[in-house]
Amino acid sequence: SLLLLDEPTNHLDLDAVLWLERYITDQLPASSTLLTVSHDRGFLDETSTDLINLSDDGGLEAHRGGLAKLDAGAKARLAKRTKDYALQ
């Protein structure tokens, strides 16, 4: 099954956000695909196993793991891009 969520936490109070996180992580069947568009970094980190990030240059970057893992690698990716650009 496929579940599409567009800014699902925008108008929810904390209790509702926590309920939604628990539902997604504990009750949604493992065979389900969840596509979420959100600016709520905490929600994304709690509910994501794979991320597709829209980069500043308009490209798409696929990452395994949650948002914390994506952030941890951001510095290394920026350094590589800077180095590649300097070598052009």
PDB file of N, CA and C in Angstrom:
ATOM      1  N   SER A   1       0.837  -1.186   0.000  1.00  0.00           N
ATOM      2  CA  SER A   1       0.000   0.000   0.000  1.00  0.00           C
ATOM      3  C   SER A   1       0.880   1.248   0.000  1.00  0.00           C
ATOM      4  N   LEU A   2       0.328   2.330  -0.455  1.00  0.00           N
ATOM      5  CA  LEU A   2       1.026   3.610  -0.542  1.00  0.00           C
ATOM      6  C   LEU A   2       0.220   4.657   0.224  1.00  0.00           C
ATOM      7  N   LEU A   3       0.906   5.379   1.117  1.00  0.00           N
ATOM      8  CA  LEU A   3       0.284   6.449   1.882  1.00  0.00           C
ATOM      9  C   LEU A   3       1.033   7.734   1.572  1.00  0.00           C
ATOM     10  N   LEU A   4       0.327   8.752   1.094  1.00  0.00           N
ATOM     11  CA  LEU A   4       0.918  10.047   0.765  1.00  0.00           C
ATOM     12  C   LEU A   4       0.524  11.059   1.835  1.00  0.00           C
ATOM     13  N   LEU A   5       1.519  11.724   2.419  1.00  0.00           N
ATOM     14  CA  LEU A   5       1.266  12.730   3.453  1.00  0.00           C
ATOM     15  C   LEU A   5       1.942  14.035   3.050  1.00  0.00           C
ATOM     16  N   ASP A   6       1.174  15.100   2.960  1.00  0.00           N
ATOM     17  CA  ASP A   6       1.693  16.426   2.617  1.00  0.00           C
ATOM     18  C   ASP A   6       1.570  17.313   3.851  1.00  0.00           C
ATOM     19  N   GLU A   7       2.704  17.625   4.462  1.00  0.00           N
ATOM     20  CA  GLU A   7       2.761  18.439   5.691  1.00  0.00           C
ATOM     21  C   GLU A   7       1.770  17.915   6.743  1.00  0.00           C
ATOM     22  N   PRO A   8       1.916  16.650   7.133  1.00  0.00           N
ATOM     23  CA  PRO A   8       0.915  16.040   8.020  1.00  0.00           C
ATOM     24  C   PRO A   8       0.866  16.611   9.424  1.00  0.00           C
ATOM     25  N   THR A   9       1.915  17.303   9.868  1.00  0.00           N
ATOM     26  CA  THR A   9       1.933  17.792  11.251  1.00  0.00           C
ATOM     27  C   THR A   9       1.574  19.269  11.378  1.00  0.00           C
ATOM     28  N   ASN A  10       1.265  19.922  10.277  1.00  0.00           N
ATOM     29  CA  ASN A  10       1.057  21.373  10.297  1.00  0.00           C
ATOM     30  C   ASN A  10       0.033  21.856  11.318  1.00  0.00           C
ATOM     31  N   HIS A  11      -1.098  21.207  11.411  1.00  0.00           N
ATOM     32  CA  HIS A  11      -2.168  21.705  12.281  1.00  0.00           C
ATOM     33  C   HIS A  11      -2.480  20.741  13.420  1.00  0.00           C
ATOM     34  N   LEU A  12      -1.480  19.925  13.781  1.00  0.00           N
ATOM     35  CA  LEU A  12      -1.679  18.966  14.857  1.00  0.00           C
ATOM     36  C   LEU A  12      -1.022  19.458  16.137  1.00  0.00           C
ATOM     37  N   ASP A  13      -1.666  19.156  17.268  1.00  0.00           N
ATOM     38  CA  ASP A  13      -1.005  19.446  18.544  1.00  0.00           C
ATOM     39  C   ASP A  13      -0.001  18.328  18.834  1.00  0.00           C
ATOM     40  N   LEU A  14       0.775  18.478  19.884  1.00  0.00           N
ATOM     41  CA  LEU A  14       1.838  17.532  20.182  1.00  0.00           C
ATOM     42  C   LEU A  14       1.319  16.108  20.359  1.00  0.00           C
ATOM     43  N   ASP A  15       0.199  15.952  21.059  1.00  0.00           N
ATOM     44  CA  ASP A  15      -0.347  14.608  21.274  1.00  0.00           C
ATOM     45  C   ASP A  15      -0.706  13.939  19.951  1.00  0.00           C
ATOM     46  N   ALA A  16      -1.278  14.692  19.028  1.00  0.00           N
ATOM     47  CA  ALA A  16      -1.654  14.131  17.733  1.00  0.00           C
ATOM     48  C   ALA A  16      -0.422  13.778  16.897  1.00  0.00           C
ATOM     49  N   VAL A  17       0.618  14.609  16.960  1.00  0.00           N
ATOM     50  CA  VAL A  17       1.860  14.309  16.239  1.00  0.00           C
ATOM     51  C   VAL A  17       2.482  13.028  16.784  1.00  0.00           C
ATOM     52  N   LEU A  18       2.527  12.892  18.100  1.00  0.00           N
ATOM     53  CA  LEU A  18       3.087  11.683  18.709  1.00  0.00           C
ATOM     54  C   LEU A  18       2.277  10.447  18.349  1.00  0.00           C
ATOM     55  N   TRP A  19       0.950  10.588  18.313  1.00  0.00           N
ATOM     56  CA  TRP A  19       0.101   9.464  17.901  1.00  0.00           C
ATOM     57  C   TRP A  19       0.413   9.065  16.469  1.00  0.00           C
ATOM     58  N   LEU A  20       0.523  10.049  15.573  1.00  0.00           N
ATOM     59  CA  LEU A  20       0.811   9.764  14.169  1.00  0.00           C
ATOM     60  C   LEU A  20       2.173   9.091  14.011  1.00  0.00           C
ATOM     61  N   GLU A  21       3.173   9.566  14.737  1.00  0.00           N
ATOM     62  CA  GLU A  21       4.496   8.925  14.703  1.00  0.00           C
ATOM     63  C   GLU A  21       4.411   7.467  15.133  1.00  0.00           C
ATOM     64  N   ARG A  22       3.690   7.212  16.233  1.00  0.00           N
ATOM     65  CA  ARG A  22       3.549   5.830  16.721  1.00  0.00           C
ATOM     66  C   ARG A  22       2.805   4.970  15.705  1.00  0.00           C
ATOM     67  N   TYR A  23       1.765   5.517  15.102  1.00  0.00           N
ATOM     68  CA  TYR A  23       1.013   4.749  14.109  1.00  0.00           C
ATOM     69  C   TYR A  23       1.912   4.364  12.939  1.00  0.00           C
ATOM     70  N   ILE A  24       2.671   5.318  12.434  1.00  0.00           N
ATOM     71  CA  ILE A  24       3.539   5.063  11.280  1.00  0.00           C
ATOM     72  C   ILE A  24       4.633   4.059  11.626  1.00  0.00           C
ATOM     73  N   THR A  25       5.257   4.212  12.777  1.00  0.00           N
ATOM     74  CA  THR A  25       6.388   3.348  13.117  1.00  0.00           C
ATOM     75  C   THR A  25       5.976   1.988  13.676  1.00  0.00           C
ATOM     76  N   ASP A  26       4.808   1.894  14.324  1.00  0.00           N
ATOM     77  CA  ASP A  26       4.420   0.647  14.988  1.00  0.00           C
ATOM     78  C   ASP A  26       3.260  -0.101  14.333  1.00  0.00           C
ATOM     79  N   GLN A  27       2.335   0.608  13.700  1.00  0.00           N
ATOM     80  CA  GLN A  27       1.124  -0.056  13.229  1.00  0.00           C
ATOM     81  C   GLN A  27       0.990  -0.124  11.715  1.00  0.00           C
ATOM     82  N   LEU A  28       1.650   0.757  10.993  1.00  0.00           N
ATOM     83  CA  LEU A  28       1.596   0.714   9.534  1.00  0.00           C
ATOM     84  C   LEU A  28       2.304  -0.552   9.073  1.00  0.00           C
ATOM     85  N   PRO A  29       1.693  -1.346   8.208  1.00  0.00           N
ATOM     86  CA  PRO A  29       2.342  -2.589   7.768  1.00  0.00           C
ATOM     87  C   PRO A  29       3.729  -2.319   7.179  1.00  0.00           C
ATOM     88  N   ALA A  30       4.674  -3.203   7.473  1.00  0.00           N
ATOM     89  CA  ALA A  30       6.057  -3.032   7.009  1.00  0.00           C
ATOM     90  C   ALA A  30       6.150  -3.008   5.489  1.00  0.00           C
ATOM     91  N   SER A  31       5.202  -3.612   4.806  1.00  0.00           N
ATOM     92  CA  SER A  31       5.217  -3.637   3.343  1.00  0.00           C
ATOM     93  C   SER A  31       4.703  -2.335   2.732  1.00  0.00           C
ATOM     94  N   SER A  32       4.273  -1.401   3.558  1.00  0.00           N
ATOM     95  CA  SER A  32       3.723  -0.136   3.070  1.00  0.00           C
ATOM     96  C   SER A  32       4.832   0.825   2.667  1.00  0.00           C
ATOM     97  N   THR A  33       4.499   1.684   1.730  1.00  0.00           N
ATOM     98  CA  THR A  33       5.379   2.783   1.342  1.00  0.00           C
ATOM     99  C   THR A  33       4.720   4.072   1.792  1.00  0.00           C
ATOM    100  N   LEU A  34       5.494   4.920   2.443  1.00  0.00           N
ATOM    101  CA  LEU A  34       5.003   6.202   2.935  1.00  0.00           C
ATOM    102  C   LEU A  34       5.796   7.300   2.255  1.00  0.00           C
ATOM    103  N   LEU A  35       5.112   8.174   1.539  1.00  0.00           N
ATOM    104  CA  LEU A  35       5.748   9.323   0.901  1.00  0.00           C
ATOM    105  C   LEU A  35       5.284  10.561   1.660  1.00  0.00           C
ATOM    106  N   THR A  36       6.230  11.234   2.327  1.00  0.00           N
ATOM    107  CA  THR A  36       5.911  12.376   3.169  1.00  0.00           C
ATOM    108  C   THR A  36       6.653  13.607   2.693  1.00  0.00           C
ATOM    109  N   VAL A  37       5.927  14.691   2.547  1.00  0.00           N
ATOM    110  CA  VAL A  37       6.521  16.004   2.304  1.00  0.00           C
ATOM    111  C   VAL A  37       6.314  16.779   3.592  1.00  0.00           C
ATOM    112  N   SER A  38       7.416  17.195   4.224  1.00  0.00           N
ATOM    113  CA  SER A  38       7.288  17.856   5.514  1.00  0.00           C
ATOM    114  C   SER A  38       8.513  18.706   5.817  1.00  0.00           C
ATOM    115  N   HIS A  39       8.293  19.761   6.581  1.00  0.00           N
ATOM    116  CA  HIS A  39       9.376  20.588   7.107  1.00  0.00           C
ATOM    117  C   HIS A  39       9.639  20.258   8.577  1.00  0.00           C
ATOM    118  N   ASP A  40       8.896  19.323   9.127  1.00  0.00           N
ATOM    119  CA  ASP A  40       9.022  18.937  10.529  1.00  0.00           C
ATOM    120  C   ASP A  40      10.159  17.926  10.660  1.00  0.00           C
ATOM    121  N   ARG A  41      11.337  18.422  10.994  1.00  0.00           N
ATOM    122  CA  ARG A  41      12.535  17.594  11.021  1.00  0.00           C
ATOM    123  C   ARG A  41      12.431  16.455  12.037  1.00  0.00           C
ATOM    124  N   GLY A  42      11.850  16.723  13.196  1.00  0.00           N
ATOM    125  CA  GLY A  42      11.691  15.684  14.206  1.00  0.00           C
ATOM    126  C   GLY A  42      10.790  14.560  13.724  1.00  0.00           C
ATOM    127  N   PHE A  43       9.680  14.915  13.089  1.00  0.00           N
ATOM    128  CA  PHE A  43       8.747  13.927  12.549  1.00  0.00           C
ATOM    129  C   PHE A  43       9.431  13.085  11.476  1.00  0.00           C
ATOM    130  N   LEU A  44      10.153  13.745  10.571  1.00  0.00           N
ATOM    131  CA  LEU A  44      10.849  13.010   9.512  1.00  0.00           C
ATOM    132  C   LEU A  44      11.895  12.066  10.078  1.00  0.00           C
ATOM    133  N   ASP A  45      12.629  12.519  11.082  1.00  0.00           N
ATOM    134  CA  ASP A  45      13.671  11.679  11.666  1.00  0.00           C
ATOM    135  C   ASP A  45      13.067  10.458  12.356  1.00  0.00           C
ATOM    136  N   GLU A  46      11.928  10.620  12.985  1.00  0.00           N
ATOM    137  CA  GLU A  46      11.284   9.508  13.691  1.00  0.00           C
ATOM    138  C   GLU A  46      10.637   8.504  12.749  1.00  0.00           C
ATOM    139  N   THR A  47      10.177   8.947  11.589  1.00  0.00           N
ATOM    140  CA  THR A  47       9.353   8.087  10.729  1.00  0.00           C
ATOM    141  C   THR A  47      10.027   7.645   9.440  1.00  0.00           C
ATOM    142  N   SER A  48      11.214   8.137   9.139  1.00  0.00           N
ATOM    143  CA  SER A  48      11.851   7.845   7.849  1.00  0.00           C
ATOM    144  C   SER A  48      12.915   6.766   7.961  1.00  0.00           C
ATOM    145  N   THR A  49      12.941   5.904   6.947  1.00  0.00           N
ATOM    146  CA  THR A  49      14.027   4.937   6.807  1.00  0.00           C
ATOM    147  C   THR A  49      14.875   5.268   5.589  1.00  0.00           C
ATOM    148  N   ASP A  50      14.290   5.945   4.623  1.00  0.00           N
ATOM    149  CA  ASP A  50      14.980   6.387   3.410  1.00  0.00           C
ATOM    150  C   ASP A  50      14.482   7.788   3.089  1.00  0.00           C
ATOM    151  N   LEU A  51      15.376   8.626   2.600  1.00  0.00           N
ATOM    152  CA  LEU A  51      15.011  10.005   2.275  1.00  0.00           C
ATOM    153  C   LEU A  51      15.428  10.335   0.854  1.00  0.00           C
ATOM    154  N   ILE A  52      14.638  11.155   0.197  1.00  0.00           N
ATOM    155  CA  ILE A  52      15.019  11.764  -1.070  1.00  0.00           C
ATOM    156  C   ILE A  52      14.971  13.257  -0.822  1.00  0.00           C
ATOM    157  N   ASN A  53      16.128  13.880  -0.895  1.00  0.00           N
ATOM    158  CA  ASN A  53      16.275  15.291  -0.569  1.00  0.00           C
ATOM    159  C   ASN A  53      16.393  16.110  -1.852  1.00  0.00           C
ATOM    160  N   LEU A  54      15.654  17.198  -1.922  1.00  0.00           N
ATOM    161  CA  LEU A  54      15.777  18.133  -3.032  1.00  0.00           C
ATOM    162  C   LEU A  54      16.927  19.073  -2.709  1.00  0.00           C
ATOM    163  N   SER A  55      18.005  18.992  -3.478  1.00  0.00           N
ATOM    164  CA  SER A  55      19.197  19.778  -3.185  1.00  0.00           C
ATOM    165  C   SER A  55      19.053  21.210  -3.686  1.00  0.00           C
ATOM    166  N   ASP A  56      19.981  22.056  -3.253  1.00  0.00           N
ATOM    167  CA  ASP A  56      19.936  23.471  -3.624  1.00  0.00           C
ATOM    168  C   ASP A  56      20.034  23.692  -5.128  1.00  0.00           C
ATOM    169  N   ASP A  57      20.699  22.773  -5.832  1.00  0.00           N
ATOM    170  CA  ASP A  57      20.848  22.925  -7.280  1.00  0.00           C
ATOM    171  C   ASP A  57      19.691  22.292  -8.059  1.00  0.00           C
ATOM    172  N   GLY A  58      18.661  21.828  -7.339  1.00  0.00           N
ATOM    173  CA  GLY A  58      17.474  21.273  -7.984  1.00  0.00           C
ATOM    174  C   GLY A  58      17.546  19.777  -8.221  1.00  0.00           C
ATOM    175  N   GLY A  59      18.642  19.143  -7.840  1.00  0.00           N
ATOM    176  CA  GLY A  59      18.775  17.701  -8.010  1.00  0.00           C
ATOM    177  C   GLY A  59      18.159  16.939  -6.855  1.00  0.00           C
ATOM    178  N   LEU A  60      18.045  15.650  -7.039  1.00  0.00           N
ATOM    179  CA  LEU A  60      17.520  14.776  -5.997  1.00  0.00           C
ATOM    180  C   LEU A  60      18.649  13.902  -5.468  1.00  0.00           C
ATOM    181  N   GLU A  61      18.703  13.753  -4.155  1.00  0.00           N
ATOM    182  CA  GLU A  61      19.717  12.942  -3.493  1.00  0.00           C
ATOM    183  C   GLU A  61      19.024  11.899  -2.630  1.00  0.00           C
ATOM    184  N   ALA A  62      19.310  10.622  -2.897  1.00  0.00           N
ATOM    185  CA  ALA A  62      18.721   9.535  -2.122  1.00  0.00           C
ATOM    186  C   ALA A  62      19.653   9.170  -0.970  1.00  0.00           C
ATOM    187  N   HIS A  63      19.072   8.915   0.209  1.00  0.00           N
ATOM    188  CA  HIS A  63      19.841   8.587   1.409  1.00  0.00           C
ATOM    189  C   HIS A  63      19.128   7.496   2.184  1.00  0.00           C
ATOM    190  N   ARG A  64      19.899   6.544   2.729  1.00  0.00           N
ATOM    191  CA  ARG A  64      19.366   5.530   3.642  1.00  0.00           C
ATOM    192  C   ARG A  64      19.462   6.085   5.056  1.00  0.00           C
ATOM    193  N   GLY A  65      18.458   5.844   5.851  1.00  0.00           N
ATOM    194  CA  GLY A  65      18.461   6.311   7.225  1.00  0.00           C
ATOM    195  C   GLY A  65      17.608   7.556   7.389  1.00  0.00           C
ATOM    196  N   GLY A  66      17.496   8.001   8.615  1.00  0.00           N
ATOM    197  CA  GLY A  66      16.673   9.161   8.935  1.00  0.00           C
ATOM    198  C   GLY A  66      17.396  10.472   8.711  1.00  0.00           C
ATOM    199  N   LEU A  67      16.773  11.528   9.141  1.00  0.00           N
ATOM    200  CA  LEU A  67      17.285  12.874   8.926  1.00  0.00           C
ATOM    201  C   LEU A  67      18.571  13.138   9.694  1.00  0.00           C
ATOM    202  N   ALA A  68      18.733  12.571  10.879  1.00  0.00           N
ATOM    203  CA  ALA A  68      19.965  12.769  11.645  1.00  0.00           C
ATOM    204  C   ALA A  68      21.166  12.209  10.889  1.00  0.00           C
ATOM    205  N   LYS A  69      20.986  11.053  10.257  1.00  0.00           N
ATOM    206  CA  LYS A  69      22.068  10.463   9.463  1.00  0.00           C
ATOM    207  C   LYS A  69      22.361  11.322   8.237  1.00  0.00           C
ATOM    208  N   LEU A  70      21.340  11.860   7.619  1.00  0.00           N
ATOM    209  CA  LEU A  70      21.521  12.747   6.471  1.00  0.00           C
ATOM    210  C   LEU A  70      22.325  13.977   6.878  1.00  0.00           C
ATOM    211  N   ASP A  71      21.978  14.572   8.006  1.00  0.00           N
ATOM    212  CA  ASP A  71      22.694  15.753   8.490  1.00  0.00           C
ATOM    213  C   ASP A  71      24.147  15.440   8.825  1.00  0.00           C
ATOM    214  N   ALA A  72      24.388  14.245   9.370  1.00  0.00           N
ATOM    215  CA  ALA A  72      25.745  13.866   9.752  1.00  0.00           C
ATOM    216  C   ALA A  72      26.666  13.796   8.537  1.00  0.00           C
ATOM    217  N   GLY A  73      26.131  13.415   7.392  1.00  0.00           N
ATOM    218  CA  GLY A  73      26.938  13.318   6.181  1.00  0.00           C
ATOM    219  C   GLY A  73      26.972  14.587   5.352  1.00  0.00           C
ATOM    220  N   ALA A  74      26.222  15.605   5.734  1.00  0.00           N
ATOM    221  CA  ALA A  74      26.125  16.826   4.930  1.00  0.00           C
ATOM    222  C   ALA A  74      27.468  17.539   4.805  1.00  0.00           C
ATOM    223  N   LYS A  75      28.229  17.586   5.880  1.00  0.00           N
ATOM    224  CA  LYS A  75      29.515  18.276   5.864  1.00  0.00           C
ATOM    225  C   LYS A  75      30.476  17.598   4.883  1.00  0.00           C
ATOM    226  N   ALA A  76      30.501  16.284   4.895  1.00  0.00           N
ATOM    227  CA  ALA A  76      31.381  15.544   3.990  1.00  0.00           C
ATOM    228  C   ALA A  76      30.974  15.751   2.533  1.00  0.00           C
ATOM    229  N   ARG A  77      29.671  15.759   2.259  1.00  0.00           N
ATOM    230  CA  ARG A  77      29.203  15.969   0.880  1.00  0.00           C
ATOM    231  C   ARG A  77      29.544  17.371   0.397  1.00  0.00           C
ATOM    232  N   LEU A  78      29.409  18.357   1.271  1.00  0.00           N
ATOM    233  CA  LEU A  78      29.742  19.730   0.902  1.00  0.00           C
ATOM    234  C   LEU A  78      31.234  19.862   0.603  1.00  0.00           C
ATOM    235  N   ALA A  79      32.064  19.228   1.405  1.00  0.00           N
ATOM    236  CA  ALA A  79      33.506  19.270   1.173  1.00  0.00           C
ATOM    237  C   ALA A  79      33.857  18.632  -0.164  1.00  0.00           C
ATOM    238  N   LYS A  80      33.207  17.513  -0.499  1.00  0.00           N
ATOM    239  CA  LYS A  80      33.468  16.850  -1.774  1.00  0.00           C
ATOM    240  C   LYS A  80      33.032  17.728  -2.940  1.00  0.00           C
ATOM    241  N   ARG A  81      31.857  18.339  -2.836  1.00  0.00           N
ATOM    242  CA  ARG A  81      31.394  19.230  -3.912  1.00  0.00           C
ATOM    243  C   ARG A  81      32.341  20.415  -4.100  1.00  0.00           C
ATOM    244  N   THR A  82      32.807  20.984  -2.992  1.00  0.00           N
ATOM    245  CA  THR A  82      33.733  22.105  -3.058  1.00  0.00           C
ATOM    246  C   THR A  82      35.030  21.691  -3.750  1.00  0.00           C
ATOM    247  N   LYS A  83      35.536  20.520  -3.396  1.00  0.00           N
ATOM    248  CA  LYS A  83      36.755  20.004  -4.008  1.00  0.00           C
ATOM    249  C   LYS A  83      36.546  19.725  -5.503  1.00  0.00           C
ATOM    250  N   ASP A  84      35.427  19.080  -5.844  1.00  0.00           N
ATOM    251  CA  ASP A  84      35.129  18.780  -7.254  1.00  0.00           C
ATOM    252  C   ASP A  84      35.004  20.075  -8.067  1.00  0.00           C
ATOM    253  N   TYR A  85      34.373  21.074  -7.485  1.00  0.00           N
ATOM    254  CA  TYR A  85      34.218  22.351  -8.178  1.00  0.00           C
ATOM    255  C   TYR A  85      35.584  23.013  -8.424  1.00  0.00           C
ATOM    256  N   ALA A  86      36.449  22.947  -7.435  1.00  0.00           N
ATOM    257  CA  ALA A  86      37.778  23.554  -7.568  1.00  0.00           C
ATOM    258  C   ALA A  86      38.616  22.852  -8.632  1.00  0.00           C
ATOM    259  N   LEU A  87      38.360  21.574  -8.863  1.00  0.00           N
ATOM    260  CA  LEU A  87      39.108  20.807  -9.852  1.00  0.00           C
ATOM    261  C   LEU A  87      38.607  20.995 -11.286  1.00  0.00           C
ATOM    262  N   GLN A  88      37.541  21.715 -11.466  1.00  0.00           N
ATOM    263  CA  GLN A  88      36.990  21.916 -12.827  1.00  0.00           C
ATOM    264  C   GLN A  88      37.856  22.831 -13.644  1.00  0.00           C
TER     265      GLN A  88
END
